[in-house]
Structure formats: structure tokens, C-alpha cells
Amino acid sequence: MRLVYNKFLHGFLADHTARCFENSMIFYRDVFGYEPTEKVTVLLDDSYDFNNAAAFSSPRNTLLVQIAPASTVFETL
């Protein structure tokens, strides 16, 4: 696994993120027999433009899960 993050902003979450990823990969290996065919890159980011999650299919399968919650200030009127 490659973990890419900004040490100044996200350093406090890096160890926890890596452990969560490793635990989830162990679960998927045990339950579904899944083995990734290439090295997985985890990008720890805090840009809330995608409202905390997004999925893309090209050029690689990508799943984004954001750190900060979405701003709902205009939805609580």
C-alpha cells in the first residue's frame, strides 16, 4: 500500500488510515478471496468538493472518501 498525504494537515490520521485499510483488505481476502492485482494507493485528502464521497471508473477504478463532513448550512433553513 502507498499512503499519500500532507504530513502537516493529515499526519495525525495516517497511522489510523493505514491500519483501517490493512484490516479491510484482510477482511476482503478472508471473506471474498480478493487479492488486488496491483499495489493500492490511498490518497488522504480533505477537499470537500465531492460532498465526502465519489466514484470514478477511468483510467482506474477509484473510490474517494473525504475526511471532513459536508457543509449543510444552506440545507438547515
C-alpha atoms as a PDB file:
ATOM      1  CA  MET A   1       0.000   0.000   0.000  1.00  0.00           C
ATOM      2  CA  ARG A   2       1.120   3.515  -0.776  1.00  0.00           C
ATOM      3  CA  LEU A   3      -0.326   6.166   1.533  1.00  0.00           C
ATOM      4  CA  VAL A   4      -0.100   9.693   0.152  1.00  0.00           C
ATOM      5  CA  TYR A   5      -0.939  12.548   2.499  1.00  0.00           C
ATOM      6  CA  ASN A   6       0.090  16.009   3.662  1.00  0.00           C
ATOM      7  CA  LYS A   7       2.076  15.393   6.857  1.00  0.00           C
ATOM      8  CA  PHE A   8       1.276  18.822   8.290  1.00  0.00           C
ATOM      9  CA  LEU A   9      -2.504  18.576   7.781  1.00  0.00           C
ATOM     10  CA  HIS A  10      -3.234  14.842   7.943  1.00  0.00           C
ATOM     11  CA  GLY A  11      -0.313  13.301   9.829  1.00  0.00           C
ATOM     12  CA  PHE A  12      -2.469  12.541  12.861  1.00  0.00           C
ATOM     13  CA  LEU A  13      -4.733  10.328  10.703  1.00  0.00           C
ATOM     14  CA  ALA A  14      -2.077   8.499   8.674  1.00  0.00           C
ATOM     15  CA  ASP A  15      -1.455   5.585  11.071  1.00  0.00           C
ATOM     16  CA  HIS A  16      -5.159   5.017  11.680  1.00  0.00           C
ATOM     17  CA  THR A  17      -5.900   5.175   7.947  1.00  0.00           C
ATOM     18  CA  ALA A  18      -3.205   2.615   7.166  1.00  0.00           C
ATOM     19  CA  ARG A  19      -4.467   0.241   9.883  1.00  0.00           C
ATOM     20  CA  CYS A  20      -8.072   0.550   8.679  1.00  0.00           C
ATOM     21  CA  PHE A  21      -7.020  -0.159   5.110  1.00  0.00           C
ATOM     22  CA  GLU A  22      -4.969  -3.216   6.101  1.00  0.00           C
ATOM     23  CA  ASN A  23      -7.829  -4.566   8.243  1.00  0.00           C
ATOM     24  CA  SER A  24     -10.318  -4.117   5.414  1.00  0.00           C
ATOM     25  CA  MET A  25      -8.003  -5.892   2.943  1.00  0.00           C
ATOM     26  CA  ILE A  26      -7.639  -8.820   5.364  1.00  0.00           C
ATOM     27  CA  PHE A  27     -11.441  -8.986   5.651  1.00  0.00           C
ATOM     28  CA  TYR A  28     -11.946  -8.974   1.866  1.00  0.00           C
ATOM     29  CA  ARG A  29      -9.232 -11.600   1.431  1.00  0.00           C
ATOM     30  CA  ASP A  30     -10.767 -13.909   4.048  1.00  0.00           C
ATOM     31  CA  VAL A  31     -14.429 -13.469   3.087  1.00  0.00           C
ATOM     32  CA  PHE A  32     -14.299 -12.970  -0.684  1.00  0.00           C
ATOM     33  CA  GLY A  33     -10.858 -14.291  -1.614  1.00  0.00           C
ATOM     34  CA  TYR A  34      -9.957 -10.890  -3.095  1.00  0.00           C
ATOM     35  CA  GLU A  35      -6.328 -10.122  -3.887  1.00  0.00           C
ATOM     36  CA  PRO A  36      -5.536  -6.824  -5.647  1.00  0.00           C
ATOM     37  CA  THR A  37      -3.623  -7.264  -8.897  1.00  0.00           C
ATOM     38  CA  GLU A  38      -1.525  -4.137  -8.354  1.00  0.00           C
ATOM     39  CA  LYS A  39      -0.272  -2.035  -5.472  1.00  0.00           C
ATOM     40  CA  VAL A  40      -3.074   0.052  -3.960  1.00  0.00           C
ATOM     41  CA  THR A  41      -2.585   3.787  -3.458  1.00  0.00           C
ATOM     42  CA  VAL A  42      -4.550   5.508  -0.693  1.00  0.00           C
ATOM     43  CA  LEU A  43      -4.747   9.294  -1.039  1.00  0.00           C
ATOM     44  CA  LEU A  44      -5.685  11.002   2.214  1.00  0.00           C
ATOM     45  CA  ASP A  45      -7.322  14.261   1.187  1.00  0.00           C
ATOM     46  CA  ASP A  46      -9.501  16.940   2.739  1.00  0.00           C
ATOM     47  CA  SER A  47     -11.139  18.705  -0.182  1.00  0.00           C
ATOM     48  CA  TYR A  48     -14.874  18.520   0.411  1.00  0.00           C
ATOM     49  CA  ASP A  49     -15.842  19.345  -3.190  1.00  0.00           C
ATOM     50  CA  PHE A  50     -17.302  15.864  -3.696  1.00  0.00           C
ATOM     51  CA  ASN A  51     -19.533  16.033  -0.597  1.00  0.00           C
ATOM     52  CA  ASN A  52     -17.500  13.333   1.195  1.00  0.00           C
ATOM     53  CA  ALA A  53     -17.550  10.580  -1.427  1.00  0.00           C
ATOM     54  CA  ALA A  54     -17.224   9.944  -5.133  1.00  0.00           C
ATOM     55  CA  ALA A  55     -16.513   7.094  -7.517  1.00  0.00           C
ATOM     56  CA  PHE A  56     -14.779   7.129 -10.885  1.00  0.00           C
ATOM     57  CA  SER A  57     -14.129   4.410 -13.434  1.00  0.00           C
ATOM     58  CA  SER A  58     -11.353   5.788 -15.604  1.00  0.00           C
ATOM     59  CA  PRO A  59      -8.465   5.461 -16.024  1.00  0.00           C
ATOM     60  CA  ARG A  60      -8.515   3.299 -12.882  1.00  0.00           C
ATOM     61  CA  ASN A  61     -11.277   2.276 -10.520  1.00  0.00           C
ATOM     62  CA  THR A  62     -11.285   4.910  -7.798  1.00  0.00           C
ATOM     63  CA  LEU A  63     -13.221   5.400  -4.591  1.00  0.00           C
ATOM     64  CA  LEU A  64     -12.884   8.675  -2.693  1.00  0.00           C
ATOM     65  CA  VAL A  65     -13.881   9.057   0.944  1.00  0.00           C
ATOM     66  CA  GLN A  66     -13.306  12.525   2.329  1.00  0.00           C
ATOM     67  CA  ILE A  67     -12.178  13.462   5.840  1.00  0.00           C
ATOM     68  CA  ALA A  68     -14.374  16.449   6.672  1.00  0.00           C
ATOM     69  CA  PRO A  69     -18.173  16.371   6.773  1.00  0.00           C
ATOM     70  CA  ALA A  70     -20.082  18.288   4.138  1.00  0.00           C
ATOM     71  CA  SER A  71     -21.293  21.775   4.891  1.00  0.00           C
ATOM     72  CA  THR A  72     -25.079  21.688   5.233  1.00  0.00           C
ATOM     73  CA  VAL A  73     -25.527  25.271   6.376  1.00  0.00           C
ATOM     74  CA  PHE A  74     -27.842  26.103   3.464  1.00  0.00           C
ATOM     75  CA  GLU A  75     -29.902  22.925   3.915  1.00  0.00           C
ATOM     76  CA  THR A  76     -30.960  23.611   7.506  1.00  0.00           C
ATOM     77  CA  LEU A  77     -33.047  26.726   6.990  1.00  0.00           C
END
